[in-house]
Amino acid sequence: MELSRMRLNISKVHTIQALQNPNIFHGAIENAFHGEDVIWRIDQLRGDYYLMLVSEAPFDSQVLIQQFGYKDEKIQSVDYAKVMNVIKEGTVWHFRLVANPTIAIMDSKKESKRGKRVACLNDKSQIE
């Protein structure tokens, strides 16, 4: 797995629109990863915005750079295991999580491996 980071170019109209509507980022990320699973978020650090990605699959970084990044900057990546190995018992870390919990409902009529994703709407199912 890799942890990747791309500085967002907020002078691009498309980036500004995506910051207001995260579905734009979601679609671009789906396109760059060809539908593979990826965890992503937008982070702000010292006045800059960053797209953070955790993924197993390689991806087409140019898709994201052309839409949201600086053409002369590359996406920075590091082995996620190295990041996780820094975390030790007893240390304190701060983080934010924004999530849309879902479950997969299998349809006996379709031979889908994953099932249809639906939102978890009550507290109990969201916690589970």
C-alpha atoms as a PDB file:
ATOM      1  CA  MET A   1       0.000   0.000   0.000  1.00  0.00           C
ATOM      2  CA  GLU A   2       1.066   3.545  -0.637  1.00  0.00           C
ATOM      3  CA  LEU A   3       0.287   6.877   0.945  1.00  0.00           C
ATOM      4  CA  SER A   4       0.336   9.567  -1.732  1.00  0.00           C
ATOM      5  CA  ARG A   5       0.026  13.334  -1.509  1.00  0.00           C
ATOM      6  CA  MET A   6      -0.622  15.919  -4.201  1.00  0.00           C
ATOM      7  CA  ARG A   7      -0.650  19.682  -3.633  1.00  0.00           C
ATOM      8  CA  LEU A   8      -3.807  21.171  -5.098  1.00  0.00           C
ATOM      9  CA  ASN A   9      -3.608  24.176  -7.387  1.00  0.00           C
ATOM     10  CA  ILE A  10      -6.406  26.386  -6.061  1.00  0.00           C
ATOM     11  CA  SER A  11      -5.968  28.842  -8.934  1.00  0.00           C
ATOM     12  CA  LYS A  12      -7.611  26.255 -11.226  1.00  0.00           C
ATOM     13  CA  VAL A  13     -11.361  26.683 -11.565  1.00  0.00           C
ATOM     14  CA  HIS A  14     -11.837  22.896 -11.583  1.00  0.00           C
ATOM     15  CA  THR A  15     -10.043  22.590  -8.229  1.00  0.00           C
ATOM     16  CA  ILE A  16     -12.188  25.313  -6.661  1.00  0.00           C
ATOM     17  CA  GLN A  17     -15.325  23.576  -7.931  1.00  0.00           C
ATOM     18  CA  ALA A  18     -14.109  20.238  -6.559  1.00  0.00           C
ATOM     19  CA  LEU A  19     -13.379  21.751  -3.135  1.00  0.00           C
ATOM     20  CA  GLN A  20     -17.014  22.911  -3.082  1.00  0.00           C
ATOM     21  CA  ASN A  21     -18.331  19.605  -4.444  1.00  0.00           C
ATOM     22  CA  PRO A  22     -16.254  16.562  -3.367  1.00  0.00           C
ATOM     23  CA  ASN A  23     -18.106  14.370  -5.882  1.00  0.00           C
ATOM     24  CA  ILE A  24     -15.857  15.933  -8.528  1.00  0.00           C
ATOM     25  CA  PHE A  25     -12.777  14.604  -6.681  1.00  0.00           C
ATOM     26  CA  HIS A  26     -14.497  11.258  -6.235  1.00  0.00           C
ATOM     27  CA  GLY A  27     -15.107  10.885  -9.981  1.00  0.00           C
ATOM     28  CA  ALA A  28     -11.566  11.906 -10.905  1.00  0.00           C
ATOM     29  CA  ILE A  29     -10.081   9.487  -8.356  1.00  0.00           C
ATOM     30  CA  GLU A  30     -12.296   6.658  -9.638  1.00  0.00           C
ATOM     31  CA  ASN A  31     -11.018   7.434 -13.138  1.00  0.00           C
ATOM     32  CA  ALA A  32      -7.354   7.558 -12.070  1.00  0.00           C
ATOM     33  CA  PHE A  33      -7.633   4.249 -10.195  1.00  0.00           C
ATOM     34  CA  HIS A  34      -9.809   2.541 -12.825  1.00  0.00           C
ATOM     35  CA  GLY A  35     -12.446   1.711 -10.214  1.00  0.00           C
ATOM     36  CA  GLU A  36     -10.049   0.158  -7.661  1.00  0.00           C
ATOM     37  CA  ASP A  37     -10.682   0.861  -3.971  1.00  0.00           C
ATOM     38  CA  VAL A  38      -8.909   3.897  -2.566  1.00  0.00           C
ATOM     39  CA  ILE A  39      -9.224   5.958   0.596  1.00  0.00           C
ATOM     40  CA  TRP A  40      -8.834   9.692   0.074  1.00  0.00           C
ATOM     41  CA  ARG A  41      -9.278  13.010   1.788  1.00  0.00           C
ATOM     42  CA  ILE A  42      -8.478  16.677   1.375  1.00  0.00           C
ATOM     43  CA  ASP A  43      -6.064  18.106   3.942  1.00  0.00           C
ATOM     44  CA  GLN A  44      -4.955  21.648   4.632  1.00  0.00           C
ATOM     45  CA  LEU A  45      -1.422  22.375   5.799  1.00  0.00           C
ATOM     46  CA  ARG A  46       0.252  25.785   6.108  1.00  0.00           C
ATOM     47  CA  GLY A  47      -2.233  27.420   3.750  1.00  0.00           C
ATOM     48  CA  ASP A  48      -1.990  24.753   1.023  1.00  0.00           C
ATOM     49  CA  TYR A  49      -4.568  22.100   0.187  1.00  0.00           C
ATOM     50  CA  TYR A  50      -3.504  18.509  -0.442  1.00  0.00           C
ATOM     51  CA  LEU A  51      -5.210  15.462  -1.872  1.00  0.00           C
ATOM     52  CA  MET A  52      -4.193  12.496   0.291  1.00  0.00           C
ATOM     53  CA  LEU A  53      -4.620   8.944  -1.051  1.00  0.00           C
ATOM     54  CA  VAL A  54      -4.111   5.489   0.460  1.00  0.00           C
ATOM     55  CA  SER A  55      -4.210   2.740  -2.142  1.00  0.00           C
ATOM     56  CA  GLU A  56      -2.956  -0.691  -3.088  1.00  0.00           C
ATOM     57  CA  ALA A  57      -3.264  -0.296  -6.836  1.00  0.00           C
ATOM     58  CA  PRO A  58      -1.027   1.851  -9.033  1.00  0.00           C
ATOM     59  CA  PHE A  59      -2.807   4.828 -10.543  1.00  0.00           C
ATOM     60  CA  ASP A  60      -2.621   7.333 -13.374  1.00  0.00           C
ATOM     61  CA  SER A  61      -1.263  10.386 -11.559  1.00  0.00           C
ATOM     62  CA  GLN A  62      -1.513  12.555 -14.683  1.00  0.00           C
ATOM     63  CA  VAL A  63      -5.313  12.362 -14.530  1.00  0.00           C
ATOM     64  CA  LEU A  64      -5.246  14.053 -11.125  1.00  0.00           C
ATOM     65  CA  ILE A  65      -2.375  16.452 -11.845  1.00  0.00           C
ATOM     66  CA  GLN A  66      -4.017  17.762 -15.025  1.00  0.00           C
ATOM     67  CA  GLN A  67      -7.305  18.438 -13.261  1.00  0.00           C
ATOM     68  CA  PHE A  68      -6.216  19.663  -9.839  1.00  0.00           C
ATOM     69  CA  GLY A  69      -2.440  19.917  -9.515  1.00  0.00           C
ATOM     70  CA  TYR A  70       0.590  21.845 -10.666  1.00  0.00           C
ATOM     71  CA  LYS A  71       1.991  20.552 -13.960  1.00  0.00           C
ATOM     72  CA  ASP A  72       5.595  20.824 -12.724  1.00  0.00           C
ATOM     73  CA  GLU A  73       4.998  18.921  -9.458  1.00  0.00           C
ATOM     74  CA  LYS A  74       4.832  15.170  -9.035  1.00  0.00           C
ATOM     75  CA  ILE A  75       2.649  13.301  -6.589  1.00  0.00           C
ATOM     76  CA  GLN A  76       4.674  12.323  -3.527  1.00  0.00           C
ATOM     77  CA  SER A  77       4.317   8.696  -2.405  1.00  0.00           C
ATOM     78  CA  VAL A  78       5.667   6.626   0.459  1.00  0.00           C
ATOM     79  CA  ASP A  79       5.218   3.017   1.523  1.00  0.00           C
ATOM     80  CA  TYR A  80       2.221   3.036   3.889  1.00  0.00           C
ATOM     81  CA  ALA A  81       3.769   0.312   6.068  1.00  0.00           C
ATOM     82  CA  LYS A  82       6.625   2.695   6.957  1.00  0.00           C
ATOM     83  CA  VAL A  83       4.091   5.282   8.079  1.00  0.00           C
ATOM     84  CA  MET A  84       2.151   2.742  10.140  1.00  0.00           C
ATOM     85  CA  ASN A  85       5.333   1.381  11.774  1.00  0.00           C
ATOM     86  CA  VAL A  86       5.873   4.782  13.403  1.00  0.00           C
ATOM     87  CA  ILE A  87       2.680   4.341  15.407  1.00  0.00           C
ATOM     88  CA  LYS A  88       3.479   2.702  18.725  1.00  0.00           C
ATOM     89  CA  GLU A  89       1.363   1.768  21.726  1.00  0.00           C
ATOM     90  CA  GLY A  90       1.017   4.681  24.131  1.00  0.00           C
ATOM     91  CA  THR A  91       1.606   7.429  21.555  1.00  0.00           C
ATOM     92  CA  VAL A  92      -1.055  10.056  20.944  1.00  0.00           C
ATOM     93  CA  TRP A  93      -2.112  11.009  17.422  1.00  0.00           C
ATOM     94  CA  HIS A  94      -4.669  13.504  16.183  1.00  0.00           C
ATOM     95  CA  PHE A  95      -6.762  12.809  13.114  1.00  0.00           C
ATOM     96  CA  ARG A  96     -10.040  13.719  11.450  1.00  0.00           C
ATOM     97  CA  LEU A  97     -12.367  11.268   9.789  1.00  0.00           C
ATOM     98  CA  VAL A  98     -15.176  12.007   7.370  1.00  0.00           C
ATOM     99  CA  ALA A  99     -16.928   8.844   6.264  1.00  0.00           C
ATOM    100  CA  ASN A 100     -20.071   7.653   4.557  1.00  0.00           C
ATOM    101  CA  PRO A 101     -20.708   4.200   6.064  1.00  0.00           C
ATOM    102  CA  THR A 102     -22.265   1.754   3.623  1.00  0.00           C
ATOM    103  CA  ILE A 103     -23.183  -1.905   3.473  1.00  0.00           C
ATOM    104  CA  ALA A 104     -23.348  -4.203   0.470  1.00  0.00           C
ATOM    105  CA  ILE A 105     -26.681  -5.910  -0.152  1.00  0.00           C
ATOM    106  CA  MET A 106     -26.429  -9.025  -2.262  1.00  0.00           C
ATOM    107  CA  ASP A 107     -28.977  -9.488  -5.043  1.00  0.00           C
ATOM    108  CA  SER A 108     -29.710 -13.159  -5.693  1.00  0.00           C
ATOM    109  CA  LYS A 109     -30.690 -12.314  -9.287  1.00  0.00           C
ATOM    110  CA  LYS A 110     -27.297 -10.800 -10.092  1.00  0.00           C
ATOM    111  CA  GLU A 111     -23.942 -12.502  -9.845  1.00  0.00           C
ATOM    112  CA  SER A 112     -22.114  -9.497  -8.449  1.00  0.00           C
ATOM    113  CA  LYS A 113     -19.194 -10.205  -6.143  1.00  0.00           C
ATOM    114  CA  ARG A 114     -19.718  -7.072  -4.120  1.00  0.00           C
ATOM    115  CA  GLY A 115     -23.452  -6.416  -4.007  1.00  0.00           C
ATOM    116  CA  LYS A 116     -25.215  -3.070  -4.195  1.00  0.00           C
ATOM    117  CA  ARG A 117     -23.874  -0.402  -1.838  1.00  0.00           C
ATOM    118  CA  VAL A 118     -26.462   1.395   0.267  1.00  0.00           C
ATOM    119  CA  ALA A 119     -26.023   4.000   2.976  1.00  0.00           C
ATOM    120  CA  CYS A 120     -26.179   3.065   6.666  1.00  0.00           C
ATOM    121  CA  LEU A 121     -28.847   5.437   7.916  1.00  0.00           C
ATOM    122  CA  ASN A 122     -29.219   4.627  11.608  1.00  0.00           C
ATOM    123  CA  ASP A 123     -26.661   4.993  14.411  1.00  0.00           C
ATOM    124  CA  LYS A 124     -26.464   1.252  15.137  1.00  0.00           C
ATOM    125  CA  SER A 125     -25.604   0.275  11.550  1.00  0.00           C
ATOM    126  CA  GLN A 126     -23.138   3.163  11.223  1.00  0.00           C
ATOM    127  CA  ILE A 127     -21.263   2.015  14.330  1.00  0.00           C
ATOM    128  CA  GLU A 128     -21.226  -1.598  13.143  1.00  0.00           C
END
